[in-house]
């Protein structure tokens, strides 16, 4: 049996120094089940103006998760490679 693909596999990752273990590239993301499973904070400008509240961030993230079958069906776990 042969299983091949012409495209690279992909996953949902975070680009940056997320978990501080010395490697700053492509950590698989955790897909939160609900708002209590994630720690969001208001995004505040230098002048104190709140640009986006934690609730607004959750609403946008939740809408995105719900619009993607993979993310929606894998809430509460990490994305797979």
PDB file of N, CA and C in Angstrom:
ATOM      1  N   UNK A   1       0.840  -1.168   0.000  1.00  0.00           N
ATOM      2  CA  UNK A   1       0.000   0.000   0.000  1.00  0.00           C
ATOM      3  C   UNK A   1       0.890   1.236   0.000  1.00  0.00           C
ATOM      4  N   UNK A   2       0.532   2.215  -0.812  1.00  0.00           N
ATOM      5  CA  UNK A   2       1.273   3.478  -0.894  1.00  0.00           C
ATOM      6  C   UNK A   2       0.366   4.615  -0.437  1.00  0.00           C
ATOM      7  N   UNK A   3       0.893   5.491   0.399  1.00  0.00           N
ATOM      8  CA  UNK A   3       0.155   6.661   0.844  1.00  0.00           C
ATOM      9  C   UNK A   3       1.043   7.866   0.593  1.00  0.00           C
ATOM     10  N   UNK A   4       0.709   8.697  -0.362  1.00  0.00           N
ATOM     11  CA  UNK A   4       1.540   9.850  -0.701  1.00  0.00           C
ATOM     12  C   UNK A   4       0.727  11.122  -0.750  1.00  0.00           C
ATOM     13  N   UNK A   5       1.426  12.228  -0.754  1.00  0.00           N
ATOM     14  CA  UNK A   5       0.769  13.523  -0.835  1.00  0.00           C
ATOM     15  C   UNK A   5       1.645  14.487  -1.613  1.00  0.00           C
ATOM     16  N   UNK A   6       1.040  15.395  -2.306  1.00  0.00           N
ATOM     17  CA  UNK A   6       1.809  16.388  -3.049  1.00  0.00           C
ATOM     18  C   UNK A   6       1.932  17.695  -2.285  1.00  0.00           C
ATOM     19  N   UNK A   7       1.230  17.803  -1.177  1.00  0.00           N
ATOM     20  CA  UNK A   7       1.288  19.009  -0.364  1.00  0.00           C
ATOM     21  C   UNK A   7       1.882  18.684   0.996  1.00  0.00           C
ATOM     22  N   UNK A   8       2.456  19.695   1.611  1.00  0.00           N
ATOM     23  CA  UNK A   8       3.003  19.511   2.956  1.00  0.00           C
ATOM     24  C   UNK A   8       1.867  19.422   3.962  1.00  0.00           C
ATOM     25  N   UNK A   9       1.981  18.550   4.959  1.00  0.00           N
ATOM     26  CA  UNK A   9       0.973  18.544   6.017  1.00  0.00           C
ATOM     27  C   UNK A   9       1.086  19.832   6.824  1.00  0.00           C
ATOM     28  N   UNK A  10       0.017  20.236   7.447  1.00  0.00           N
ATOM     29  CA  UNK A  10       0.054  21.458   8.239  1.00  0.00           C
ATOM     30  C   UNK A  10      -0.697  21.245   9.539  1.00  0.00           C
ATOM     31  N   UNK A  11      -0.486  22.176  10.449  1.00  0.00           N
ATOM     32  CA  UNK A  11      -1.220  22.173  11.699  1.00  0.00           C
ATOM     33  C   UNK A  11      -1.361  23.614  12.160  1.00  0.00           C
ATOM     34  N   UNK A  12      -1.972  23.800  13.300  1.00  0.00           N
ATOM     35  CA  UNK A  12      -2.120  25.118  13.893  1.00  0.00           C
ATOM     36  C   UNK A  12      -1.010  25.290  14.920  1.00  0.00           C
ATOM     37  N   UNK A  13      -0.176  26.298  14.724  1.00  0.00           N
ATOM     38  CA  UNK A  13       0.978  26.510  15.588  1.00  0.00           C
ATOM     39  C   UNK A  13       1.044  27.958  16.047  1.00  0.00           C
ATOM     40  N   UNK A  14       1.803  28.167  17.114  1.00  0.00           N
ATOM     41  CA  UNK A  14       2.092  29.494  17.616  1.00  0.00           C
ATOM     42  C   UNK A  14       3.534  29.810  17.267  1.00  0.00           C
ATOM     43  N   UNK A  15       3.761  30.916  16.584  1.00  0.00           N
ATOM     44  CA  UNK A  15       5.119  31.330  16.220  1.00  0.00           C
ATOM     45  C   UNK A  15       5.611  32.323  17.271  1.00  0.00           C
ATOM     46  N   UNK A  16       6.646  31.988  17.987  1.00  0.00           N
ATOM     47  CA  UNK A  16       7.192  32.872  19.006  1.00  0.00           C
ATOM     48  C   UNK A  16       7.707  32.087  20.194  1.00  0.00           C
ATOM     49  N   UNK A  17       8.211  32.793  21.172  1.00  0.00           N
ATOM     50  CA  UNK A  17       8.838  32.196  22.344  1.00  0.00           C
ATOM     51  C   UNK A  17       7.767  31.949  23.401  1.00  0.00           C
ATOM     52  N   UNK A  18       6.877  31.021  23.149  1.00  0.00           N
ATOM     53  CA  UNK A  18       5.692  30.807  23.968  1.00  0.00           C
ATOM     54  C   UNK A  18       5.991  30.132  25.301  1.00  0.00           C
ATOM     55  N   UNK A  19       6.680  29.008  25.288  1.00  0.00           N
ATOM     56  CA  UNK A  19       6.867  28.244  26.528  1.00  0.00           C
ATOM     57  C   UNK A  19       8.262  28.366  27.135  1.00  0.00           C
ATOM     58  N   UNK A  20       9.081  29.241  26.621  1.00  0.00           N
ATOM     59  CA  UNK A  20      10.379  29.622  27.195  1.00  0.00           C
ATOM     60  C   UNK A  20      11.338  28.457  27.426  1.00  0.00           C
ATOM     61  N   UNK A  21      11.363  27.519  26.507  1.00  0.00           N
ATOM     62  CA  UNK A  21      12.295  26.412  26.654  1.00  0.00           C
ATOM     63  C   UNK A  21      13.495  26.538  25.707  1.00  0.00           C
ATOM     64  N   UNK A  22      13.668  27.713  25.120  1.00  0.00           N
ATOM     65  CA  UNK A  22      14.842  27.969  24.308  1.00  0.00           C
ATOM     66  C   UNK A  22      14.630  27.837  22.819  1.00  0.00           C
ATOM     67  N   UNK A  23      13.473  27.414  22.410  1.00  0.00           N
ATOM     68  CA  UNK A  23      13.185  27.244  20.989  1.00  0.00           C
ATOM     69  C   UNK A  23      11.955  28.087  20.684  1.00  0.00           C
ATOM     70  N   UNK A  24      12.037  28.927  19.690  1.00  0.00           N
ATOM     71  CA  UNK A  24      10.968  29.901  19.485  1.00  0.00           C
ATOM     72  C   UNK A  24      10.197  29.699  18.186  1.00  0.00           C
ATOM     73  N   UNK A  25      10.030  28.468  17.776  1.00  0.00           N
ATOM     74  CA  UNK A  25       9.346  28.262  16.505  1.00  0.00           C
ATOM     75  C   UNK A  25       8.306  27.155  16.594  1.00  0.00           C
ATOM     76  N   UNK A  26       7.136  27.476  16.128  1.00  0.00           N
ATOM     77  CA  UNK A  26       6.112  26.503  15.811  1.00  0.00           C
ATOM     78  C   UNK A  26       5.705  25.551  16.935  1.00  0.00           C
ATOM     79  N   UNK A  27       5.250  26.090  18.042  1.00  0.00           N
ATOM     80  CA  UNK A  27       4.658  25.278  19.096  1.00  0.00           C
ATOM     81  C   UNK A  27       3.205  24.987  18.720  1.00  0.00           C
ATOM     82  N   UNK A  28       2.788  23.739  18.845  1.00  0.00           N
ATOM     83  CA  UNK A  28       1.399  23.393  18.570  1.00  0.00           C
ATOM     84  C   UNK A  28       0.487  24.112  19.558  1.00  0.00           C
ATOM     85  N   UNK A  29      -0.641  24.579  19.081  1.00  0.00           N
ATOM     86  CA  UNK A  29      -1.537  25.351  19.945  1.00  0.00           C
ATOM     87  C   UNK A  29      -2.472  24.452  20.743  1.00  0.00           C
ATOM     88  N   UNK A  30      -2.898  24.959  21.880  1.00  0.00           N
ATOM     89  CA  UNK A  30      -3.956  24.352  22.674  1.00  0.00           C
ATOM     90  C   UNK A  30      -5.266  24.954  22.179  1.00  0.00           C
ATOM     91  N   UNK A  31      -6.269  24.135  21.970  1.00  0.00           N
ATOM     92  CA  UNK A  31      -7.565  24.593  21.487  1.00  0.00           C
ATOM     93  C   UNK A  31      -8.510  24.639  22.688  1.00  0.00           C
ATOM     94  N   UNK A  32      -8.781  25.825  23.203  1.00  0.00           N
ATOM     95  CA  UNK A  32      -9.578  25.915  24.427  1.00  0.00           C
ATOM     96  C   UNK A  32     -11.010  25.423  24.237  1.00  0.00           C
ATOM     97  N   UNK A  33     -11.485  24.696  25.236  1.00  0.00           N
ATOM     98  CA  UNK A  33     -12.863  24.183  25.223  1.00  0.00           C
ATOM     99  C   UNK A  33     -13.857  25.325  25.478  1.00  0.00           C
ATOM    100  N   UNK A  34     -13.477  26.249  26.363  1.00  0.00           N
ATOM    101  CA  UNK A  34     -14.351  27.376  26.701  1.00  0.00           C
ATOM    102  C   UNK A  34     -13.485  28.511  27.241  1.00  0.00           C
ATOM    103  N   UNK A  35     -14.111  29.617  27.594  1.00  0.00           N
ATOM    104  CA  UNK A  35     -13.364  30.803  28.025  1.00  0.00           C
ATOM    105  C   UNK A  35     -12.567  30.561  29.305  1.00  0.00           C
ATOM    106  N   UNK A  36     -13.020  29.655  30.153  1.00  0.00           N
ATOM    107  CA  UNK A  36     -12.298  29.403  31.410  1.00  0.00           C
ATOM    108  C   UNK A  36     -11.014  28.599  31.182  1.00  0.00           C
ATOM    109  N   UNK A  37     -10.816  28.063  29.988  1.00  0.00           N
ATOM    110  CA  UNK A  37      -9.623  27.269  29.687  1.00  0.00           C
ATOM    111  C   UNK A  37      -8.497  28.107  29.084  1.00  0.00           C
ATOM    112  N   UNK A  38      -8.674  29.419  29.054  1.00  0.00           N
ATOM    113  CA  UNK A  38      -7.668  30.295  28.451  1.00  0.00           C
ATOM    114  C   UNK A  38      -7.567  31.566  29.291  1.00  0.00           C
ATOM    115  N   UNK A  39      -6.368  32.117  29.373  1.00  0.00           N
ATOM    116  CA  UNK A  39      -6.133  33.310  30.182  1.00  0.00           C
ATOM    117  C   UNK A  39      -5.933  34.509  29.258  1.00  0.00           C
ATOM    118  N   UNK A  40      -7.011  35.210  28.981  1.00  0.00           N
ATOM    119  CA  UNK A  40      -6.941  36.398  28.125  1.00  0.00           C
ATOM    120  C   UNK A  40      -6.967  37.643  29.001  1.00  0.00           C
ATOM    121  N   UNK A  41      -6.264  38.665  28.551  1.00  0.00           N
ATOM    122  CA  UNK A  41      -6.243  39.946  29.268  1.00  0.00           C
ATOM    123  C   UNK A  41      -6.581  41.048  28.285  1.00  0.00           C
ATOM    124  N   UNK A  42      -7.163  42.119  28.799  1.00  0.00           N
ATOM    125  CA  UNK A  42      -7.460  43.257  27.943  1.00  0.00           C
ATOM    126  C   UNK A  42      -6.182  43.742  27.267  1.00  0.00           C
ATOM    127  N   UNK A  43      -6.299  44.153  26.019  1.00  0.00           N
ATOM    128  CA  UNK A  43      -5.176  44.751  25.301  1.00  0.00           C
ATOM    129  C   UNK A  43      -5.295  46.253  25.499  1.00  0.00           C
ATOM    130  N   UNK A  44      -4.291  46.820  26.177  1.00  0.00           N
ATOM    131  CA  UNK A  44      -4.337  48.223  26.562  1.00  0.00           C
ATOM    132  C   UNK A  44      -3.202  48.999  25.903  1.00  0.00           C
ATOM    133  N   UNK A  45      -3.522  50.138  25.326  1.00  0.00           N
ATOM    134  CA  UNK A  45      -2.521  51.011  24.710  1.00  0.00           C
ATOM    135  C   UNK A  45      -1.719  51.711  25.800  1.00  0.00           C
ATOM    136  N   UNK A  46      -0.621  52.341  25.406  1.00  0.00           N
ATOM    137  CA  UNK A  46       0.244  53.043  26.363  1.00  0.00           C
ATOM    138  C   UNK A  46      -0.500  54.155  27.110  1.00  0.00           C
ATOM    139  N   UNK A  47      -1.506  54.724  26.476  1.00  0.00           N
ATOM    140  CA  UNK A  47      -2.253  55.805  27.123  1.00  0.00           C
ATOM    141  C   UNK A  47      -3.381  55.293  28.017  1.00  0.00           C
ATOM    142  N   UNK A  48      -3.476  53.973  28.193  1.00  0.00           N
ATOM    143  CA  UNK A  48      -4.486  53.385  29.054  1.00  0.00           C
ATOM    144  C   UNK A  48      -5.782  53.020  28.352  1.00  0.00           C
ATOM    145  N   UNK A  49      -5.910  53.379  27.087  1.00  0.00           N
ATOM    146  CA  UNK A  49      -7.111  53.049  26.321  1.00  0.00           C
ATOM    147  C   UNK A  49      -7.172  51.543  26.087  1.00  0.00           C
ATOM    148  N   UNK A  50      -8.306  50.932  26.403  1.00  0.00           N
ATOM    149  CA  UNK A  50      -8.477  49.497  26.174  1.00  0.00           C
ATOM    150  C   UNK A  50      -8.858  49.288  24.717  1.00  0.00           C
ATOM    151  N   UNK A  51      -7.941  48.686  23.969  1.00  0.00           N
ATOM    152  CA  UNK A  51      -8.150  48.477  22.540  1.00  0.00           C
ATOM    153  C   UNK A  51      -9.062  47.285  22.263  1.00  0.00           C
ATOM    154  N   UNK A  52      -8.934  46.249  23.082  1.00  0.00           N
ATOM    155  CA  UNK A  52      -9.801  45.077  22.934  1.00  0.00           C
ATOM    156  C   UNK A  52      -9.876  44.379  24.286  1.00  0.00           C
ATOM    157  N   UNK A  53     -11.101  44.130  24.726  1.00  0.00           N
ATOM    158  CA  UNK A  53     -11.275  43.469  26.015  1.00  0.00           C
ATOM    159  C   UNK A  53     -11.028  41.965  25.873  1.00  0.00           C
ATOM    160  N   UNK A  54     -10.809  41.327  27.003  1.00  0.00           N
ATOM    161  CA  UNK A  54     -10.625  39.875  27.006  1.00  0.00           C
ATOM    162  C   UNK A  54     -11.868  39.186  26.448  1.00  0.00           C
ATOM    163  N   UNK A  55     -13.034  39.701  26.767  1.00  0.00           N
ATOM    164  CA  UNK A  55     -14.287  39.122  26.263  1.00  0.00           C
ATOM    165  C   UNK A  55     -14.380  39.251  24.750  1.00  0.00           C
ATOM    166  N   UNK A  56     -14.002  40.394  24.222  1.00  0.00           N
ATOM    167  CA  UNK A  56     -14.006  40.588  22.762  1.00  0.00           C
ATOM    168  C   UNK A  56     -13.020  39.639  22.085  1.00  0.00           C
ATOM    169  N   UNK A  57     -11.862  39.449  22.704  1.00  0.00           N
ATOM    170  CA  UNK A  57     -10.881  38.504  22.152  1.00  0.00           C
ATOM    171  C   UNK A  57     -11.446  37.092  22.126  1.00  0.00           C
ATOM    172  N   UNK A  58     -12.093  36.684  23.230  1.00  0.00           N
ATOM    173  CA  UNK A  58     -12.689  35.349  23.282  1.00  0.00           C
ATOM    174  C   UNK A  58     -13.760  35.183  22.217  1.00  0.00           C
ATOM    175  N   UNK A  59     -14.605  36.181  22.056  1.00  0.00           N
ATOM    176  CA  UNK A  59     -15.671  36.094  21.060  1.00  0.00           C
ATOM    177  C   UNK A  59     -15.098  35.899  19.657  1.00  0.00           C
ATOM    178  N   UNK A  60     -14.031  36.617  19.332  1.00  0.00           N
ATOM    179  CA  UNK A  60     -13.399  36.470  18.016  1.00  0.00           C
ATOM    180  C   UNK A  60     -12.749  35.094  17.871  1.00  0.00           C
ATOM    181  N   UNK A  61     -12.036  34.661  18.907  1.00  0.00           N
ATOM    182  CA  UNK A  61     -11.381  33.349  18.870  1.00  0.00           C
ATOM    183  C   UNK A  61     -12.412  32.229  18.779  1.00  0.00           C
ATOM    184  N   UNK A  62     -13.449  32.309  19.582  1.00  0.00           N
ATOM    185  CA  UNK A  62     -14.478  31.286  19.585  1.00  0.00           C
ATOM    186  C   UNK A  62     -15.188  31.209  18.230  1.00  0.00           C
ATOM    187  N   UNK A  63     -15.443  32.346  17.624  1.00  0.00           N
ATOM    188  CA  UNK A  63     -16.051  32.370  16.290  1.00  0.00           C
ATOM    189  C   UNK A  63     -15.148  31.670  15.284  1.00  0.00           C
ATOM    190  N   UNK A  64     -13.840  31.928  15.374  1.00  0.00           N
ATOM    191  CA  UNK A  64     -12.889  31.277  14.470  1.00  0.00           C
ATOM    192  C   UNK A  64     -12.867  29.766  14.706  1.00  0.00           C
ATOM    193  N   UNK A  65     -12.798  29.352  15.960  1.00  0.00           N
ATOM    194  CA  UNK A  65     -12.776  27.915  16.281  1.00  0.00           C
ATOM    195  C   UNK A  65     -14.044  27.241  15.745  1.00  0.00           C
ATOM    196  N   UNK A  66     -15.186  27.856  15.973  1.00  0.00           N
ATOM    197  CA  UNK A  66     -16.448  27.273  15.534  1.00  0.00           C
ATOM    198  C   UNK A  66     -16.573  27.211  14.014  1.00  0.00           C
ATOM    199  N   UNK A  67     -15.821  28.053  13.302  1.00  0.00           N
ATOM    200  CA  UNK A  67     -15.903  28.061  11.837  1.00  0.00           C
ATOM    201  C   UNK A  67     -14.981  27.033  11.187  1.00  0.00           C
ATOM    202  N   UNK A  68     -14.160  26.355  11.990  1.00  0.00           N
ATOM    203  CA  UNK A  68     -13.202  25.387  11.467  1.00  0.00           C
ATOM    204  C   UNK A  68     -13.513  24.020  12.075  1.00  0.00           C
ATOM    205  N   UNK A  69     -13.871  23.058  11.237  1.00  0.00           N
ATOM    206  CA  UNK A  69     -14.265  21.738  11.741  1.00  0.00           C
ATOM    207  C   UNK A  69     -13.182  21.069  12.573  1.00  0.00           C
ATOM    208  N   UNK A  70     -11.915  21.180  12.161  1.00  0.00           N
ATOM    209  CA  UNK A  70     -10.839  20.543  12.917  1.00  0.00           C
ATOM    210  C   UNK A  70     -10.756  21.130  14.325  1.00  0.00           C
ATOM    211  N   UNK A  71     -10.707  22.455  14.404  1.00  0.00           N
ATOM    212  CA  UNK A  71     -10.599  23.100  15.713  1.00  0.00           C
ATOM    213  C   UNK A  71     -11.830  22.821  16.564  1.00  0.00           C
ATOM    214  N   UNK A  72     -13.000  22.928  15.978  1.00  0.00           N
ATOM    215  CA  UNK A  72     -14.248  22.714  16.707  1.00  0.00           C
ATOM    216  C   UNK A  72     -14.319  21.299  17.286  1.00  0.00           C
ATOM    217  N   UNK A  73     -13.843  20.323  16.537  1.00  0.00           N
ATOM    218  CA  UNK A  73     -13.928  18.925  16.973  1.00  0.00           C
ATOM    219  C   UNK A  73     -12.788  18.499  17.891  1.00  0.00           C
ATOM    220  N   UNK A  74     -11.812  19.384  18.104  1.00  0.00           N
ATOM    221  CA  UNK A  74     -10.665  19.031  18.946  1.00  0.00           C
ATOM    222  C   UNK A  74     -10.480  19.985  20.118  1.00  0.00           C
ATOM    223  N   UNK A  75     -11.564  20.604  20.551  1.00  0.00           N
ATOM    224  CA  UNK A  75     -11.479  21.510  21.706  1.00  0.00           C
ATOM    225  C   UNK A  75     -11.002  20.735  22.933  1.00  0.00           C
ATOM    226  N   UNK A  76     -10.209  21.412  23.742  1.00  0.00           N
ATOM    227  CA  UNK A  76      -9.722  20.808  24.982  1.00  0.00           C
ATOM    228  C   UNK A  76      -8.450  20.012  24.800  1.00  0.00           C
ATOM    229  N   UNK A  77      -7.821  20.092  23.635  1.00  0.00           N
ATOM    230  CA  UNK A  77      -6.572  19.371  23.379  1.00  0.00           C
ATOM    231  C   UNK A  77      -5.632  20.205  22.541  1.00  0.00           C
ATOM    232  N   UNK A  78      -4.495  19.651  22.241  1.00  0.00           N
ATOM    233  CA  UNK A  78      -3.505  20.312  21.404  1.00  0.00           C
ATOM    234  C   UNK A  78      -3.688  19.909  19.957  1.00  0.00           C
ATOM    235  N   UNK A  79      -3.419  20.840  19.053  1.00  0.00           N
ATOM    236  CA  UNK A  79      -3.454  20.514  17.625  1.00  0.00           C
ATOM    237  C   UNK A  79      -2.425  19.443  17.345  1.00  0.00           C
ATOM    238  N   UNK A  80      -2.726  18.579  16.442  1.00  0.00           N
ATOM    239  CA  UNK A  80      -1.808  17.497  16.043  1.00  0.00           C
ATOM    240  C   UNK A  80      -1.050  17.903  14.796  1.00  0.00           C
ATOM    241  N   UNK A  81       0.088  17.286  14.600  1.00  0.00           N
ATOM    242  CA  UNK A  81       0.858  17.576  13.384  1.00  0.00           C
ATOM    243  C   UNK A  81       0.336  16.739  12.243  1.00  0.00           C
TER     244      UNK A  81
END
